[in-house]
Amino acid sequence: MPEGSRRAVPTELPRADVVTGDVPGSFPRSVMCERHPALIDRVSGAFPYPPEQRARLSALREEATEGVIEPLDEDAHDHGAWRAWGMDDHVGTPWTRAPFLWAESYFYRRLLGALDYFGPGPWQGVDPFAPFKRAELAGPEAAAEIGALDSLADLAPRDRDQALLRSSLWGNRADLGFQVGGGDTAAAASGLVADHSAELWELLETRAGGRVCLVADNAGRELLPDLVLIDTLLATDRAREVVLHVKPGPYYVSDATMADVLDGLRRLCEAGGAAERIGTRLWRAVGHGRLRVRAHAFSCAPLPYRDMPADLAEEFAAASVTLMKGDLNYRRLVGDRHWPATTPFAAVTAYFPGPVAALRTLKSDVVTGLDRAAVQALDAGGGAWRTSGTHALVQLAGA
């Protein structure tokens, strides 16, 4: 029985502190003190923002690096939501002392507010990260990956399935937020630290004809293989319908929104060859209701999925399986805590209302479900295997 089963799941979890950026030299500290200021500088050059926005960006940069957390304006549309999400507990404290998951989310909310994204005014709804996402989608790397779809027909069905799953898994090495931090995302992967791929495909075969939820992570070069994987699930009737969850607005630099889904579909439809056929099928699937896009407000909440609202839990419970893409969704799925790496994945996700699979390239410290010998070998290697994007995992629970 694979570790992903819900049977015989331990009822007690080890003590694990919430991840913060309070430790000098830690990965969260580098995100808060280095990546976020670099992102502000990059965003400020993406559009000809007027002086008011530029002044607010400068103030946020100073606050995030040298000051303490300031509250949202009381007239902000989501002021009440952020109070419910713990804002009052963290206002007045250094950014690095707040829970890392909360602080990251709040930083992006404040960044959007500084740019008048929520309006009213001419900058309302202007995605500050759109130039980065669209440039990546139009780049030579994306073109090469799209062109490679023509060779899929030469593969045996099982090999084609596995190639598409691995492409979706490793696609988030193109994560723009990670590139801002200076990581070597082009480095060749050294392997999977956990691999439940066979169990996942078996589950999809066993529960063919149902609904599959795919919770997207990044746009651009990652979203393209996600769309291709969705097409395969629909074309082979492993899924009667797919619900693609995206963010309701810009978030974490490269996170996918509905606009990014449309950009990805157009990119496929205009590419010719196999990509065009895939894009056309997906376009029709949206029109026929077999591919539905969901943008739940909880997708941008600074909370773990354990705290998801009832309507979202009901949707995941009705799915044959929910595929969680990327690093942020993994942190929200297992809880952003310093778990021992050998803590069973099935135990930390036992609350989830249905079968759930994580497809994730490791870019943060949190990881669960690994073999003790494998952890010892990885630690002995001396590299930053948890955060460098050189390792990945496929984990399944609840099957």
Foldseek 3Di string as FASTA:
>chain_A
DDLQELPPFDQDADDWAFDFQPDPPAPLVCCQAPLLLLVLVVLPPQDVQDPQLNVLSVVLSCCSHPNFDAADPPPDPCNVVVVVQPPVVGGRHHLRVPRSLQSQLVSVVSNCVSRQCCDDDPNPVPASLVVVQVCLQPDPVVLVVLVCLQCLVVDDPVVSLVVLLVQLLLQCLVPPSVVSSVFPSVDAFPEAQAEPPVVVVVLLVVQFQAEEEEEFFFFHRNVLSVLVNLLVSCVVRSYQAYEYEFACGDHSSGTDHPVRVVVSLVSQCPSDDPSVVSSVVVVVCCVVVRYHYHHDNCVSRSAACLPPDPVVLVVCLRGSEYEYEEDSNVCSQQPNTQGDQATRPQNSNVSRNAKYKYRYQAAHNDHHNGDPVSVVVVVVVVDPRRRNRSYIYIHIHHD
